[in-house]
């Protein structure tokens, strides 16, 4: 499985990230923790609803810094919403 090496991918608070085909959201979650403005997009509606729940839980637990945002959307990368 390929993954992002965040030591080689500089991400600053306020950066905008579009995670196309986010799946279970692991990359989107880390970007959110680092203060990014994240949009996670996937075709699998069930999976994207779980990602949305995790974003909400992370916010409630204070896992993302102030100013970070996270949105989970169902959609197709070839026909963006």
C-alpha atoms as a PDB file:
ATOM      1  CA  UNK A   1       0.000   0.000   0.000  1.00  0.00           C
ATOM      2  CA  UNK A   2       1.362   3.415  -0.927  1.00  0.00           C
ATOM      3  CA  UNK A   3       1.238   6.181   1.617  1.00  0.00           C
ATOM      4  CA  UNK A   4       2.305   9.791   1.962  1.00  0.00           C
ATOM      5  CA  UNK A   5       5.606  10.399   3.723  1.00  0.00           C
ATOM      6  CA  UNK A   6       4.780  13.613   5.561  1.00  0.00           C
ATOM      7  CA  UNK A   7       8.481  14.254   6.261  1.00  0.00           C
ATOM      8  CA  UNK A   8       8.888  14.724   2.490  1.00  0.00           C
ATOM      9  CA  UNK A   9       5.574  16.483   1.892  1.00  0.00           C
ATOM     10  CA  UNK A  10       5.699  19.852   3.636  1.00  0.00           C
ATOM     11  CA  UNK A  11       2.241  20.818   4.789  1.00  0.00           C
ATOM     12  CA  UNK A  12       1.599  24.054   6.646  1.00  0.00           C
ATOM     13  CA  UNK A  13      -1.423  25.208   8.595  1.00  0.00           C
ATOM     14  CA  UNK A  14      -3.930  26.745   6.194  1.00  0.00           C
ATOM     15  CA  UNK A  15      -2.788  24.766   3.146  1.00  0.00           C
ATOM     16  CA  UNK A  16      -5.634  23.427   1.030  1.00  0.00           C
ATOM     17  CA  UNK A  17      -5.744  19.684   0.364  1.00  0.00           C
ATOM     18  CA  UNK A  18      -8.052  17.750  -1.945  1.00  0.00           C
ATOM     19  CA  UNK A  19      -7.821  14.019  -1.201  1.00  0.00           C
ATOM     20  CA  UNK A  20      -9.338  12.356  -4.282  1.00  0.00           C
ATOM     21  CA  UNK A  21     -10.276   8.751  -3.682  1.00  0.00           C
ATOM     22  CA  UNK A  22      -9.741   9.210   0.044  1.00  0.00           C
ATOM     23  CA  UNK A  23     -11.026   5.753   0.974  1.00  0.00           C
ATOM     24  CA  UNK A  24     -11.044   5.419   4.762  1.00  0.00           C
ATOM     25  CA  UNK A  25      -9.455   8.869   5.068  1.00  0.00           C
ATOM     26  CA  UNK A  26      -6.040   8.177   6.602  1.00  0.00           C
ATOM     27  CA  UNK A  27      -4.221  10.843   4.576  1.00  0.00           C
ATOM     28  CA  UNK A  28      -7.042  13.358   4.992  1.00  0.00           C
ATOM     29  CA  UNK A  29      -7.003  12.828   8.770  1.00  0.00           C
ATOM     30  CA  UNK A  30      -3.278  13.560   9.019  1.00  0.00           C
ATOM     31  CA  UNK A  31      -3.612  16.679   6.867  1.00  0.00           C
ATOM     32  CA  UNK A  32      -6.439  17.860   9.137  1.00  0.00           C
ATOM     33  CA  UNK A  33      -4.292  17.225  12.230  1.00  0.00           C
ATOM     34  CA  UNK A  34      -1.592  19.388  10.650  1.00  0.00           C
ATOM     35  CA  UNK A  35      -3.995  22.311  10.232  1.00  0.00           C
ATOM     36  CA  UNK A  36      -4.923  22.048   6.568  1.00  0.00           C
ATOM     37  CA  UNK A  37      -8.236  22.892   4.955  1.00  0.00           C
ATOM     38  CA  UNK A  38      -9.189  19.410   3.768  1.00  0.00           C
ATOM     39  CA  UNK A  39     -11.763  18.133   1.304  1.00  0.00           C
ATOM     40  CA  UNK A  40     -11.948  14.329   1.221  1.00  0.00           C
ATOM     41  CA  UNK A  41     -13.764  12.909  -1.817  1.00  0.00           C
ATOM     42  CA  UNK A  42     -14.677   9.299  -2.579  1.00  0.00           C
ATOM     43  CA  UNK A  43     -17.296   7.423  -4.624  1.00  0.00           C
ATOM     44  CA  UNK A  44     -18.105   5.049  -1.775  1.00  0.00           C
ATOM     45  CA  UNK A  45     -20.941   6.708   0.135  1.00  0.00           C
ATOM     46  CA  UNK A  46     -20.723   4.403   3.138  1.00  0.00           C
ATOM     47  CA  UNK A  47     -17.005   5.014   3.527  1.00  0.00           C
ATOM     48  CA  UNK A  48     -17.272   8.787   3.111  1.00  0.00           C
ATOM     49  CA  UNK A  49     -19.963   8.934   5.808  1.00  0.00           C
ATOM     50  CA  UNK A  50     -17.509   7.222   8.177  1.00  0.00           C
ATOM     51  CA  UNK A  51     -14.814   9.744   7.218  1.00  0.00           C
ATOM     52  CA  UNK A  52     -17.251  12.565   8.056  1.00  0.00           C
ATOM     53  CA  UNK A  53     -17.908  10.989  11.470  1.00  0.00           C
ATOM     54  CA  UNK A  54     -14.168  10.781  12.162  1.00  0.00           C
ATOM     55  CA  UNK A  55     -13.660  14.424  11.152  1.00  0.00           C
ATOM     56  CA  UNK A  56     -16.398  15.422  13.610  1.00  0.00           C
ATOM     57  CA  UNK A  57     -14.887  13.274  16.373  1.00  0.00           C
ATOM     58  CA  UNK A  58     -11.428  14.750  15.743  1.00  0.00           C
ATOM     59  CA  UNK A  59     -12.828  18.277  15.986  1.00  0.00           C
ATOM     60  CA  UNK A  60     -14.676  17.462  19.207  1.00  0.00           C
ATOM     61  CA  UNK A  61     -11.531  15.900  20.713  1.00  0.00           C
ATOM     62  CA  UNK A  62      -9.434  18.944  19.790  1.00  0.00           C
ATOM     63  CA  UNK A  63      -7.175  16.930  17.471  1.00  0.00           C
ATOM     64  CA  UNK A  64      -7.085  19.636  14.802  1.00  0.00           C
ATOM     65  CA  UNK A  65      -5.729  23.135  15.362  1.00  0.00           C
ATOM     66  CA  UNK A  66      -7.890  26.226  15.170  1.00  0.00           C
ATOM     67  CA  UNK A  67      -8.446  27.245  11.568  1.00  0.00           C
ATOM     68  CA  UNK A  68      -8.261  23.700  10.208  1.00  0.00           C
ATOM     69  CA  UNK A  69     -11.333  22.574   8.284  1.00  0.00           C
ATOM     70  CA  UNK A  70     -12.459  19.191   7.014  1.00  0.00           C
ATOM     71  CA  UNK A  71     -15.232  18.259   4.620  1.00  0.00           C
ATOM     72  CA  UNK A  72     -16.142  14.762   3.422  1.00  0.00           C
ATOM     73  CA  UNK A  73     -17.947  14.517   0.083  1.00  0.00           C
ATOM     74  CA  UNK A  74     -19.287  11.685  -2.007  1.00  0.00           C
ATOM     75  CA  UNK A  75     -18.401  12.141  -5.645  1.00  0.00           C
ATOM     76  CA  UNK A  76     -16.459  11.143  -8.732  1.00  0.00           C
ATOM     77  CA  UNK A  77     -13.038  12.608  -9.540  1.00  0.00           C
ATOM     78  CA  UNK A  78     -14.018  12.650 -13.234  1.00  0.00           C
ATOM     79  CA  UNK A  79     -17.153  14.662 -12.495  1.00  0.00           C
ATOM     80  CA  UNK A  80     -16.366  16.869  -9.510  1.00  0.00           C
ATOM     81  CA  UNK A  81     -19.283  18.187  -7.451  1.00  0.00           C
END
